[in-house]
PDB file of N, CA and C in Angstrom:
ATOM      1  N   MET A   1      30.049  22.811 -74.441  1.00  0.00           N
ATOM      2  CA  MET A   1      31.407  22.281 -74.109  1.00  0.00           C
ATOM      3  C   MET A   1      31.327  21.169 -73.403  1.00  0.00           C
ATOM      4  N   SER A   2      31.746  20.038 -73.789  1.00  0.00           N
ATOM      5  CA  SER A   2      31.601  18.696 -72.916  1.00  0.00           C
ATOM      6  C   SER A   2      32.707  18.664 -72.027  1.00  0.00           C
ATOM      7  N   ALA A   3      32.622  17.957 -70.962  1.00  0.00           N
ATOM      8  CA  ALA A   3      33.514  17.696 -69.960  1.00  0.00           C
ATOM      9  C   ALA A   3      34.655  16.391 -70.610  1.00  0.00           C
ATOM     10  N   MET A   4      35.723  16.366 -70.186  1.00  0.00           N
ATOM     11  CA  MET A   4      36.678  15.598 -70.643  1.00  0.00           C
ATOM     12  C   MET A   4      36.495  14.468 -69.621  1.00  0.00           C
ATOM     13  N   PRO A   5      36.337  13.199 -70.154  1.00  0.00           N
ATOM     14  CA  PRO A   5      36.025  11.895 -69.337  1.00  0.00           C
ATOM     15  C   PRO A   5      36.984  11.800 -68.154  1.00  0.00           C
ATOM     16  N   ARG A   6      36.638  11.267 -67.022  1.00  0.00           N
ATOM     17  CA  ARG A   6      37.369  11.194 -65.949  1.00  0.00           C
ATOM     18  C   ARG A   6      38.791  10.293 -66.126  1.00  0.00           C
ATOM     19  N   ARG A   7      38.632   9.138 -67.013  1.00  0.00           N
ATOM     20  CA  ARG A   7      39.915   8.547 -67.418  1.00  0.00           C
ATOM     21  C   ARG A   7      41.017   9.147 -68.146  1.00  0.00           C
ATOM     22  N   LYS A   8      40.476  10.170 -68.956  1.00  0.00           N
ATOM     23  CA  LYS A   8      41.146  10.766 -69.896  1.00  0.00           C
ATOM     24  C   LYS A   8      42.077  11.985 -68.775  1.00  0.00           C
ATOM     25  N   ARG A   9      41.170  12.441 -68.004  1.00  0.00           N
ATOM     26  CA  ARG A   9      41.833  13.353 -67.036  1.00  0.00           C
ATOM     27  C   ARG A   9      42.827  12.761 -66.142  1.00  0.00           C
ATOM     28  N   VAL A  10      42.480  11.348 -65.654  1.00  0.00           N
ATOM     29  CA  VAL A  10      43.614  10.816 -64.906  1.00  0.00           C
ATOM     30  C   VAL A  10      44.891  10.713 -65.729  1.00  0.00           C
ATOM     31  N   LEU A  11      44.857  10.089 -66.711  1.00  0.00           N
ATOM     32  CA  LEU A  11      45.905   9.715 -67.375  1.00  0.00           C
ATOM     33  C   LEU A  11      46.659  10.960 -67.888  1.00  0.00           C
ATOM     34  N   LEU A  12      45.861  12.118 -68.177  1.00  0.00           N
ATOM     35  CA  LEU A  12      46.540  13.217 -68.496  1.00  0.00           C
ATOM     36  C   LEU A  12      47.264  13.713 -67.457  1.00  0.00           C
ATOM     37  N   ALA A  13      46.473  13.787 -65.937  1.00  0.00           N
ATOM     38  CA  ALA A  13      47.204  14.355 -64.851  1.00  0.00           C
ATOM     39  C   ALA A  13      48.679  13.556 -64.608  1.00  0.00           C
ATOM     40  N   ALA A  14      48.448  12.208 -65.023  1.00  0.00           N
ATOM     41  CA  ALA A  14      49.729  11.206 -64.409  1.00  0.00           C
ATOM     42  C   ALA A  14      50.744  11.599 -65.239  1.00  0.00           C
ATOM     43  N   VAL A  15      50.653  11.784 -66.790  1.00  0.00           N
ATOM     44  CA  VAL A  15      51.688  12.197 -67.708  1.00  0.00           C
ATOM     45  C   VAL A  15      52.244  13.523 -67.313  1.00  0.00           C
ATOM     46  N   THR A  16      51.382  14.206 -67.030  1.00  0.00           N
ATOM     47  CA  THR A  16      51.922  15.686 -66.586  1.00  0.00           C
ATOM     48  C   THR A  16      52.547  15.541 -65.389  1.00  0.00           C
ATOM     49  N   ALA A  17      52.277  14.997 -64.445  1.00  0.00           N
ATOM     50  CA  ALA A  17      53.108  14.720 -63.225  1.00  0.00           C
ATOM     51  C   ALA A  17      54.340  14.172 -63.238  1.00  0.00           C
ATOM     52  N   LEU A  18      54.517  13.255 -64.121  1.00  0.00           N
ATOM     53  CA  LEU A  18      55.772  12.486 -64.454  1.00  0.00           C
ATOM     54  C   LEU A  18      56.571  13.381 -65.228  1.00  0.00           C
ATOM     55  N   LEU A  19      56.061  14.249 -66.282  1.00  0.00           N
ATOM     56  CA  LEU A  19      57.064  15.280 -66.912  1.00  0.00           C
ATOM     57  C   LEU A  19      57.582  16.246 -65.977  1.00  0.00           C
ATOM     58  N   TRP A  20      56.528  16.983 -65.195  1.00  0.00           N
ATOM     59  CA  TRP A  20      56.941  17.851 -64.101  1.00  0.00           C
ATOM     60  C   TRP A  20      58.091  17.395 -63.243  1.00  0.00           C
ATOM     61  N   ALA A  21      57.945  16.291 -62.617  1.00  0.00           N
ATOM     62  CA  ALA A  21      58.915  15.756 -61.840  1.00  0.00           C
ATOM     63  C   ALA A  21      60.438  15.229 -62.555  1.00  0.00           C
ATOM     64  N   LEU A  22      60.123  14.825 -63.783  1.00  0.00           N
ATOM     65  CA  LEU A  22      61.182  14.668 -64.257  1.00  0.00           C
ATOM     66  C   LEU A  22      62.274  15.922 -64.564  1.00  0.00           C
ATOM     67  N   LEU A  23      61.554  16.893 -65.080  1.00  0.00           N
ATOM     68  CA  LEU A  23      62.033  18.320 -65.119  1.00  0.00           C
ATOM     69  C   LEU A  23      62.507  18.817 -63.821  1.00  0.00           C
ATOM     70  N   SER A  24      61.824  18.457 -62.544  1.00  0.00           N
ATOM     71  CA  SER A  24      62.348  19.003 -61.448  1.00  0.00           C
ATOM     72  C   SER A  24      63.212  18.090 -60.729  1.00  0.00           C
ATOM     73  N   GLY A  25      63.908  17.093 -61.213  1.00  0.00           N
ATOM     74  CA  GLY A  25      64.751  16.205 -60.787  1.00  0.00           C
ATOM     75  C   GLY A  25      64.396  15.145 -59.808  1.00  0.00           C
ATOM     76  N   ALA A  26      63.238  15.188 -59.655  1.00  0.00           N
ATOM     77  CA  ALA A  26      62.595  13.938 -58.515  1.00  0.00           C
ATOM     78  C   ALA A  26      62.038  12.734 -59.238  1.00  0.00           C
ATOM     79  N   GLY A  27      62.465  12.374 -60.421  1.00  0.00           N
ATOM     80  CA  GLY A  27      61.949  11.394 -61.497  1.00  0.00           C
ATOM     81  C   GLY A  27      62.651  10.122 -60.782  1.00  0.00           C
ATOM     82  N   PRO A  28      62.261   9.138 -61.747  1.00  0.00           N
ATOM     83  CA  PRO A  28      62.954   7.908 -61.521  1.00  0.00           C
ATOM     84  C   PRO A  28      64.434   7.645 -61.412  1.00  0.00           C
ATOM     85  N   GLY A  29      65.277   6.666 -60.856  1.00  0.00           N
ATOM     86  CA  GLY A  29      66.652   6.879 -60.634  1.00  0.00           C
ATOM     87  C   GLY A  29      67.066   6.365 -62.053  1.00  0.00           C
ATOM     88  N   LYS A  30      68.265   6.397 -62.186  1.00  0.00           N
ATOM     89  CA  LYS A  30      69.179   5.867 -63.349  1.00  0.00           C
ATOM     90  C   LYS A  30      69.306   4.543 -63.097  1.00  0.00           C
ATOM     91  N   ALA A  31      69.542   3.896 -64.421  1.00  0.00           N
ATOM     92  CA  ALA A  31      69.771   2.441 -64.186  1.00  0.00           C
ATOM     93  C   ALA A  31      71.108   2.102 -63.736  1.00  0.00           C
ATOM     94  N   GLU A  32      71.132   1.068 -62.803  1.00  0.00           N
ATOM     95  CA  GLU A  32      72.634   0.776 -62.320  1.00  0.00           C
ATOM     96  C   GLU A  32      73.090  -0.206 -63.254  1.00  0.00           C
ATOM     97  N   ALA A  33      74.744  -0.387 -63.086  1.00  0.00           N
ATOM     98  CA  ALA A  33      75.097  -1.594 -63.824  1.00  0.00           C
ATOM     99  C   ALA A  33      74.635  -2.872 -63.426  1.00  0.00           C
ATOM    100  N   GLY A  34      74.006  -3.496 -64.438  1.00  0.00           N
ATOM    101  CA  GLY A  34      74.073  -4.949 -64.315  1.00  0.00           C
ATOM    102  C   GLY A  34      72.428  -5.142 -64.100  1.00  0.00           C
ATOM    103  N   VAL A  35      71.807  -3.871 -64.111  1.00  0.00           N
ATOM    104  CA  VAL A  35      70.221  -3.970 -63.904  1.00  0.00           C
ATOM    105  C   VAL A  35      69.454  -4.032 -65.339  1.00  0.00           C
ATOM    106  N   ALA A  36      70.277  -3.218 -66.090  1.00  0.00           N
ATOM    107  CA  ALA A  36      69.624  -3.196 -67.364  1.00  0.00           C
ATOM    108  C   ALA A  36      68.192  -3.453 -67.966  1.00  0.00           C
ATOM    109  N   GLY A  37      67.412  -2.409 -67.062  1.00  0.00           N
ATOM    110  CA  GLY A  37      66.042  -2.652 -67.212  1.00  0.00           C
ATOM    111  C   GLY A  37      65.409  -3.901 -66.603  1.00  0.00           C
ATOM    112  N   GLY A  38      66.034  -4.583 -65.936  1.00  0.00           N
ATOM    113  CA  GLY A  38      65.369  -5.716 -65.291  1.00  0.00           C
ATOM    114  C   GLY A  38      64.481  -5.458 -64.255  1.00  0.00           C
ATOM    115  N   THR A  39      63.828  -6.424 -63.726  1.00  0.00           N
ATOM    116  CA  THR A  39      62.859  -6.162 -62.724  1.00  0.00           C
ATOM    117  C   THR A  39      63.609  -6.638 -61.425  1.00  0.00           C
ATOM    118  N   GLY A  40      62.857  -6.011 -60.252  1.00  0.00           N
ATOM    119  CA  GLY A  40      63.658  -6.539 -58.874  1.00  0.00           C
ATOM    120  C   GLY A  40      62.708  -7.122 -58.102  1.00  0.00           C
ATOM    121  N   GLU A  41      62.423  -6.973 -56.915  1.00  0.00           N
ATOM    122  CA  GLU A  41      61.651  -7.643 -56.146  1.00  0.00           C
ATOM    123  C   GLU A  41      60.165  -7.317 -56.509  1.00  0.00           C
ATOM    124  N   THR A  42      59.487  -8.372 -55.781  1.00  0.00           N
ATOM    125  CA  THR A  42      57.933  -7.988 -55.791  1.00  0.00           C
ATOM    126  C   THR A  42      57.480  -7.341 -54.629  1.00  0.00           C
ATOM    127  N   VAL A  43      56.979  -6.412 -54.910  1.00  0.00           N
ATOM    128  CA  VAL A  43      56.341  -5.468 -53.539  1.00  0.00           C
ATOM    129  C   VAL A  43      54.612  -5.715 -53.691  1.00  0.00           C
ATOM    130  N   GLU A  44      54.111  -5.496 -52.309  1.00  0.00           N
ATOM    131  CA  GLU A  44      52.658  -5.367 -52.236  1.00  0.00           C
ATOM    132  C   GLU A  44      52.421  -3.803 -52.223  1.00  0.00           C
ATOM    133  N   HIS A  45      51.144  -3.636 -52.844  1.00  0.00           N
ATOM    134  CA  HIS A  45      50.613  -2.473 -52.771  1.00  0.00           C
ATOM    135  C   HIS A  45      49.145  -2.355 -52.411  1.00  0.00           C
ATOM    136  N   GLU A  46      48.816  -1.971 -51.540  1.00  0.00           N
ATOM    137  CA  GLU A  46      47.271  -1.837 -51.043  1.00  0.00           C
ATOM    138  C   GLU A  46      46.801  -0.637 -51.688  1.00  0.00           C
ATOM    139  N   VAL A  47      45.686  -0.817 -52.496  1.00  0.00           N
ATOM    140  CA  VAL A  47      45.002   0.048 -53.380  1.00  0.00           C
ATOM    141  C   VAL A  47      44.256   1.067 -52.166  1.00  0.00           C
ATOM    142  N   ILE A  48      44.467   2.428 -52.651  1.00  0.00           N
ATOM    143  CA  ILE A  48      43.599   3.473 -51.766  1.00  0.00           C
ATOM    144  C   ILE A  48      42.930   4.003 -52.949  1.00  0.00           C
ATOM    145  N   LYS A  49      41.710   5.001 -52.296  1.00  0.00           N
ATOM    146  CA  LYS A  49      40.651   5.620 -53.046  1.00  0.00           C
ATOM    147  C   LYS A  49      41.487   6.467 -54.170  1.00  0.00           C
ATOM    148  N   GLY A  50      40.958   6.071 -55.444  1.00  0.00           N
ATOM    149  CA  GLY A  50      41.723   7.088 -56.317  1.00  0.00           C
ATOM    150  C   GLY A  50      42.828   6.291 -57.081  1.00  0.00           C
ATOM    151  N   ASP A  51      43.489   5.214 -56.819  1.00  0.00           N
ATOM    152  CA  ASP A  51      44.297   4.271 -57.341  1.00  0.00           C
ATOM    153  C   ASP A  51      43.663   3.763 -58.875  1.00  0.00           C
ATOM    154  N   ASN A  52      44.638   3.500 -59.642  1.00  0.00           N
ATOM    155  CA  ASN A  52      44.086   2.924 -60.982  1.00  0.00           C
ATOM    156  C   ASN A  52      45.217   2.471 -61.535  1.00  0.00           C
ATOM    157  N   LEU A  53      45.269   1.424 -62.364  1.00  0.00           N
ATOM    158  CA  LEU A  53      46.527   0.784 -62.743  1.00  0.00           C
ATOM    159  C   LEU A  53      47.442   1.651 -63.853  1.00  0.00           C
ATOM    160  N   HIS A  54      46.726   2.758 -64.237  1.00  0.00           N
ATOM    161  CA  HIS A  54      47.587   3.668 -65.221  1.00  0.00           C
ATOM    162  C   HIS A  54      48.416   4.450 -64.078  1.00  0.00           C
ATOM    163  N   LEU A  55      47.969   4.806 -62.919  1.00  0.00           N
ATOM    164  CA  LEU A  55      48.686   5.668 -61.814  1.00  0.00           C
ATOM    165  C   LEU A  55      49.916   4.631 -61.374  1.00  0.00           C
ATOM    166  N   LEU A  56      49.380   3.430 -61.038  1.00  0.00           N
ATOM    167  CA  LEU A  56      50.600   2.450 -60.466  1.00  0.00           C
ATOM    168  C   LEU A  56      51.387   2.114 -61.314  1.00  0.00           C
ATOM    169  N   ALA A  57      51.121   2.196 -62.590  1.00  0.00           N
ATOM    170  CA  ALA A  57      52.333   1.899 -63.512  1.00  0.00           C
ATOM    171  C   ALA A  57      53.357   3.163 -63.620  1.00  0.00           C
ATOM    172  N   GLY A  58      52.586   4.301 -63.430  1.00  0.00           N
ATOM    173  CA  GLY A  58      53.302   5.515 -63.744  1.00  0.00           C
ATOM    174  C   GLY A  58      54.505   5.378 -62.500  1.00  0.00           C
ATOM    175  N   TYR A  59      53.759   5.259 -61.325  1.00  0.00           N
ATOM    176  CA  TYR A  59      54.989   5.183 -60.071  1.00  0.00           C
ATOM    177  C   TYR A  59      55.999   4.186 -60.408  1.00  0.00           C
ATOM    178  N   TYR A  60      55.688   2.753 -60.364  1.00  0.00           N
ATOM    179  CA  TYR A  60      56.534   1.683 -60.369  1.00  0.00           C
ATOM    180  C   TYR A  60      57.352   1.621 -61.622  1.00  0.00           C
ATOM    181  N   TYR A  61      56.868   1.990 -62.761  1.00  0.00           N
ATOM    182  CA  TYR A  61      57.633   1.848 -63.963  1.00  0.00           C
ATOM    183  C   TYR A  61      57.973   3.092 -64.725  1.00  0.00           C
ATOM    184  N   SER A  62      57.332   4.162 -64.238  1.00  0.00           N
ATOM    185  CA  SER A  62      57.533   5.600 -64.747  1.00  0.00           C
ATOM    186  C   SER A  62      56.950   5.443 -66.253  1.00  0.00           C
ATOM    187  N   ASP A  63      55.899   4.703 -66.505  1.00  0.00           N
ATOM    188  CA  ASP A  63      55.250   4.534 -67.504  1.00  0.00           C
ATOM    189  C   ASP A  63      53.700   4.091 -67.334  1.00  0.00           C
ATOM    190  N   PRO A  64      52.976   5.131 -67.642  1.00  0.00           N
ATOM    191  CA  PRO A  64      51.369   4.564 -67.294  1.00  0.00           C
ATOM    192  C   PRO A  64      50.928   3.707 -68.155  1.00  0.00           C
ATOM    193  N   ARG A  65      51.665   3.297 -69.271  1.00  0.00           N
ATOM    194  CA  ARG A  65      51.112   2.493 -70.402  1.00  0.00           C
ATOM    195  C   ARG A  65      51.353   0.950 -70.154  1.00  0.00           C
ATOM    196  N   GLN A  66      52.118   0.828 -69.076  1.00  0.00           N
ATOM    197  CA  GLN A  66      52.685  -0.271 -68.479  1.00  0.00           C
ATOM    198  C   GLN A  66      51.922  -0.854 -67.574  1.00  0.00           C
ATOM    199  N   TRP A  67      50.301  -0.494 -67.827  1.00  0.00           N
ATOM    200  CA  TRP A  67      49.479  -0.921 -66.619  1.00  0.00           C
ATOM    201  C   TRP A  67      49.034  -2.385 -66.998  1.00  0.00           C
ATOM    202  N   ARG A  68      49.142  -3.080 -68.158  1.00  0.00           N
ATOM    203  CA  ARG A  68      49.167  -4.493 -68.241  1.00  0.00           C
ATOM    204  C   ARG A  68      49.674  -5.360 -67.462  1.00  0.00           C
ATOM    205  N   ARG A  69      51.078  -5.029 -67.278  1.00  0.00           N
ATOM    206  CA  ARG A  69      52.192  -5.761 -66.328  1.00  0.00           C
ATOM    207  C   ARG A  69      51.449  -6.011 -64.853  1.00  0.00           C
ATOM    208  N   ILE A  70      50.681  -4.979 -64.342  1.00  0.00           N
ATOM    209  CA  ILE A  70      50.250  -5.273 -63.192  1.00  0.00           C
ATOM    210  C   ILE A  70      48.927  -6.148 -63.262  1.00  0.00           C
ATOM    211  N   PHE A  71      48.161  -5.569 -64.308  1.00  0.00           N
ATOM    212  CA  PHE A  71      47.026  -6.472 -64.383  1.00  0.00           C
ATOM    213  C   PHE A  71      47.211  -8.021 -64.726  1.00  0.00           C
ATOM    214  N   ASP A  72      48.298  -8.438 -65.668  1.00  0.00           N
ATOM    215  CA  ASP A  72      48.442  -9.691 -65.760  1.00  0.00           C
ATOM    216  C   ASP A  72      49.067 -10.241 -64.383  1.00  0.00           C
ATOM    217  N   ARG A  73      49.936  -9.768 -63.578  1.00  0.00           N
ATOM    218  CA  ARG A  73      50.294 -10.274 -62.510  1.00  0.00           C
ATOM    219  C   ARG A  73      49.359 -10.452 -61.371  1.00  0.00           C
ATOM    220  N   ASN A  74      48.114  -9.967 -61.510  1.00  0.00           N
ATOM    221  CA  ASN A  74      46.978 -10.073 -60.453  1.00  0.00           C
ATOM    222  C   ASN A  74      45.767 -10.387 -60.889  1.00  0.00           C
ATOM    223  N   GLN A  75      45.852 -11.205 -61.931  1.00  0.00           N
ATOM    224  CA  GLN A  75      44.441 -11.603 -62.677  1.00  0.00           C
ATOM    225  C   GLN A  75      43.642 -12.744 -61.521  1.00  0.00           C
ATOM    226  N   GLY A  76      44.310 -13.233 -60.587  1.00  0.00           N
ATOM    227  CA  GLY A  76      43.294 -13.807 -59.619  1.00  0.00           C
ATOM    228  C   GLY A  76      42.862 -13.005 -58.648  1.00  0.00           C
ATOM    229  N   ILE A  77      43.398 -11.880 -58.597  1.00  0.00           N
ATOM    230  CA  ILE A  77      42.723 -10.637 -57.628  1.00  0.00           C
ATOM    231  C   ILE A  77      41.791  -9.593 -58.308  1.00  0.00           C
ATOM    232  N   ILE A  78      42.177  -9.222 -59.479  1.00  0.00           N
ATOM    233  CA  ILE A  78      41.161  -8.398 -60.116  1.00  0.00           C
ATOM    234  C   ILE A  78      40.993  -9.059 -61.566  1.00  0.00           C
ATOM    235  N   SER A  79      39.568  -8.772 -61.748  1.00  0.00           N
ATOM    236  CA  SER A  79      39.137  -9.175 -63.003  1.00  0.00           C
ATOM    237  C   SER A  79      38.858  -8.144 -64.204  1.00  0.00           C
ATOM    238  N   ASP A  80      38.806  -6.686 -63.638  1.00  0.00           N
ATOM    239  CA  ASP A  80      38.360  -5.880 -64.448  1.00  0.00           C
ATOM    240  C   ASP A  80      39.756  -4.721 -64.404  1.00  0.00           C
ATOM    241  N   ALA A  81      40.234  -4.306 -65.354  1.00  0.00           N
ATOM    242  CA  ALA A  81      41.205  -3.375 -65.199  1.00  0.00           C
ATOM    243  C   ALA A  81      40.971  -2.102 -64.904  1.00  0.00           C
ATOM    244  N   ASN A  82      39.668  -1.818 -64.972  1.00  0.00           N
ATOM    245  CA  ASN A  82      38.956  -0.424 -65.065  1.00  0.00           C
ATOM    246  C   ASN A  82      38.325  -0.279 -63.307  1.00  0.00           C
ATOM    247  N   LEU A  83      38.217  -1.461 -62.832  1.00  0.00           N
ATOM    248  CA  LEU A  83      37.903  -1.356 -61.499  1.00  0.00           C
ATOM    249  C   LEU A  83      38.787  -2.175 -60.193  1.00  0.00           C
ATOM    250  N   VAL A  84      39.485  -1.246 -59.485  1.00  0.00           N
ATOM    251  CA  VAL A  84      40.520  -1.668 -58.712  1.00  0.00           C
ATOM    252  C   VAL A  84      39.867  -1.091 -57.426  1.00  0.00           C
ATOM    253  N   LEU A  85      39.484  -2.145 -56.279  1.00  0.00           N
ATOM    254  CA  LEU A  85      38.817  -1.341 -55.159  1.00  0.00           C
ATOM    255  C   LEU A  85      39.981  -1.179 -54.104  1.00  0.00           C
ATOM    256  N   PRO A  86      39.638  -0.028 -53.394  1.00  0.00           N
ATOM    257  CA  PRO A  86      40.485   0.132 -52.108  1.00  0.00           C
ATOM    258  C   PRO A  86      40.462  -1.118 -51.232  1.00  0.00           C
ATOM    259  N   GLY A  87      41.544  -1.050 -50.764  1.00  0.00           N
ATOM    260  CA  GLY A  87      41.988  -2.222 -49.795  1.00  0.00           C
ATOM    261  C   GLY A  87      42.557  -3.429 -50.619  1.00  0.00           C
ATOM    262  N   THR A  88      42.284  -3.372 -51.872  1.00  0.00           N
ATOM    263  CA  THR A  88      42.917  -4.726 -52.703  1.00  0.00           C
ATOM    264  C   THR A  88      44.316  -4.664 -52.501  1.00  0.00           C
ATOM    265  N   VAL A  89      45.237  -5.641 -52.261  1.00  0.00           N
ATOM    266  CA  VAL A  89      46.472  -5.792 -52.103  1.00  0.00           C
ATOM    267  C   VAL A  89      47.109  -6.540 -53.408  1.00  0.00           C
ATOM    268  N   LEU A  90      47.733  -5.672 -54.127  1.00  0.00           N
ATOM    269  CA  LEU A  90      48.158  -6.149 -55.582  1.00  0.00           C
ATOM    270  C   LEU A  90      49.744  -6.542 -55.396  1.00  0.00           C
ATOM    271  N   LYS A  91      49.889  -7.489 -56.206  1.00  0.00           N
ATOM    272  CA  LYS A  91      51.514  -7.743 -56.063  1.00  0.00           C
ATOM    273  C   LYS A  91      52.329  -6.982 -57.407  1.00  0.00           C
ATOM    274  N   ILE A  92      53.185  -6.383 -57.364  1.00  0.00           N
ATOM    275  CA  ILE A  92      54.001  -5.525 -58.203  1.00  0.00           C
ATOM    276  C   ILE A  92      55.273  -5.873 -58.379  1.00  0.00           C
ATOM    277  N   GLU A  93      55.557  -6.115 -59.687  1.00  0.00           N
ATOM    278  CA  GLU A  93      56.988  -6.806 -59.918  1.00  0.00           C
ATOM    279  C   GLU A  93      57.772  -5.177 -60.071  1.00  0.00           C
ATOM    280  N   ALA A  94      58.151  -4.693 -58.935  1.00  0.00           N
ATOM    281  CA  ALA A  94      58.898  -3.473 -59.122  1.00  0.00           C
ATOM    282  C   ALA A  94      60.200  -3.529 -59.844  1.00  0.00           C
ATOM    283  N   ASP A  95      60.363  -2.164 -60.748  1.00  0.00           N
ATOM    284  CA  ASP A  95      61.682  -2.023 -61.345  1.00  0.00           C
ATOM    285  C   ASP A  95      62.629  -1.147 -60.779  1.00  0.00           C
ATOM    286  N   PRO A  96      63.574  -1.303 -59.899  1.00  0.00           N
ATOM    287  CA  PRO A  96      64.125  -0.308 -59.216  1.00  0.00           C
ATOM    288  C   PRO A  96      64.491   0.880 -59.821  1.00  0.00           C
ATOM    289  N   ALA A  97      65.254   0.593 -61.307  1.00  0.00           N
ATOM    290  CA  ALA A  97      65.853   1.538 -62.036  1.00  0.00           C
ATOM    291  C   ALA A  97      65.033   2.466 -62.517  1.00  0.00           C
ATOM    292  N   ARG A  98      63.452   2.119 -62.587  1.00  0.00           N
ATOM    293  CA  ARG A  98      62.534   2.906 -62.925  1.00  0.00           C
ATOM    294  C   ARG A  98      61.836   3.605 -62.266  1.00  0.00           C
ATOM    295  N   GLN A  99      61.736   3.106 -60.889  1.00  0.00           N
ATOM    296  CA  GLN A  99      60.552   3.416 -59.736  1.00  0.00           C
ATOM    297  C   GLN A  99      60.942   4.748 -59.211  1.00  0.00           C
ATOM    298  N   TRP A 100      59.772   5.689 -59.144  1.00  0.00           N
ATOM    299  CA  TRP A 100      60.173   7.186 -58.331  1.00  0.00           C
ATOM    300  C   TRP A 100      60.896   6.737 -57.038  1.00  0.00           C
ATOM    301  N   LYS A 101      61.603   7.725 -56.970  1.00  0.00           N
ATOM    302  CA  LYS A 101      62.452   7.830 -55.751  1.00  0.00           C
ATOM    303  C   LYS A 101      61.875   8.536 -54.561  1.00  0.00           C
ATOM    304  N   ILE A 102      60.690   8.959 -54.815  1.00  0.00           N
ATOM    305  CA  ILE A 102      59.956   9.757 -53.766  1.00  0.00           C
ATOM    306  C   ILE A 102      58.764   8.670 -53.219  1.00  0.00           C
ATOM    307  N   PRO A 103      57.956   8.989 -51.883  1.00  0.00           N
ATOM    308  CA  PRO A 103      57.175   7.811 -51.619  1.00  0.00           C
ATOM    309  C   PRO A 103      55.815   8.204 -52.409  1.00  0.00           C
ATOM    310  N   TYR A 104      55.109   6.963 -52.419  1.00  0.00           N
ATOM    311  CA  TYR A 104      53.938   6.887 -53.337  1.00  0.00           C
ATOM    312  C   TYR A 104      53.180   8.237 -52.943  1.00  0.00           C
ATOM    313  N   GLY A 105      52.757   8.117 -51.736  1.00  0.00           N
ATOM    314  CA  GLY A 105      51.815   9.509 -51.184  1.00  0.00           C
ATOM    315  C   GLY A 105      52.279  10.854 -52.179  1.00  0.00           C
ATOM    316  N   GLU A 106      53.591  11.077 -51.877  1.00  0.00           N
ATOM    317  CA  GLU A 106      54.022  12.365 -52.524  1.00  0.00           C
ATOM    318  C   GLU A 106      53.518  12.388 -54.156  1.00  0.00           C
ATOM    319  N   PHE A 107      54.022  11.282 -54.857  1.00  0.00           N
ATOM    320  CA  PHE A 107      53.815  11.088 -56.018  1.00  0.00           C
ATOM    321  C   PHE A 107      52.346  11.297 -56.246  1.00  0.00           C
ATOM    322  N   VAL A 108      51.373  10.847 -55.677  1.00  0.00           N
ATOM    323  CA  VAL A 108      49.900  10.741 -55.960  1.00  0.00           C
ATOM    324  C   VAL A 108      49.630  12.047 -55.688  1.00  0.00           C
ATOM    325  N   SER A 109      49.845  13.231 -54.716  1.00  0.00           N
ATOM    326  CA  SER A 109      49.744  14.513 -54.480  1.00  0.00           C
ATOM    327  C   SER A 109      50.426  15.283 -55.662  1.00  0.00           C
ATOM    328  N   ARG A 110      51.265  14.843 -56.222  1.00  0.00           N
ATOM    329  CA  ARG A 110      51.980  15.755 -57.344  1.00  0.00           C
ATOM    330  C   ARG A 110      50.921  15.460 -58.852  1.00  0.00           C
ATOM    331  N   VAL A 111      50.446  14.482 -58.725  1.00  0.00           N
ATOM    332  CA  VAL A 111      49.585  13.919 -59.850  1.00  0.00           C
ATOM    333  C   VAL A 111      48.444  14.722 -59.769  1.00  0.00           C
ATOM    334  N   PHE A 112      47.876  14.940 -58.641  1.00  0.00           N
ATOM    335  CA  PHE A 112      46.333  15.348 -58.311  1.00  0.00           C
ATOM    336  C   PHE A 112      46.389  16.937 -57.854  1.00  0.00           C
ATOM    337  N   ASP A 113      47.418  17.595 -57.640  1.00  0.00           N
ATOM    338  CA  ASP A 113      47.583  18.944 -57.184  1.00  0.00           C
ATOM    339  C   ASP A 113      47.995  19.854 -58.426  1.00  0.00           C
TER     340      ASP A 113
END
């Protein structure tokens, strides 16, 4: 029996956490009038051990498949989407209508617990 590659395990864990949190009511907020899926302010996120672009997109956009938005915004900072080093500060164009309403640390603990 072969082990599932780490990348697939992390993506599966992120999707599982998103579904669990949505069902438990801790998911992203509803779109507000006038926000219509638009973006909000740019936030700075300091990468910690275990972070990856799929996980960050899952938190900030409620969709791990949106990782390229973060990668494209930070091309001068990161050159490999699969290698984001701890301590790196990324600029993320947050979407308040879709961002999780729980702290990032709690989101991460739900993904990996």
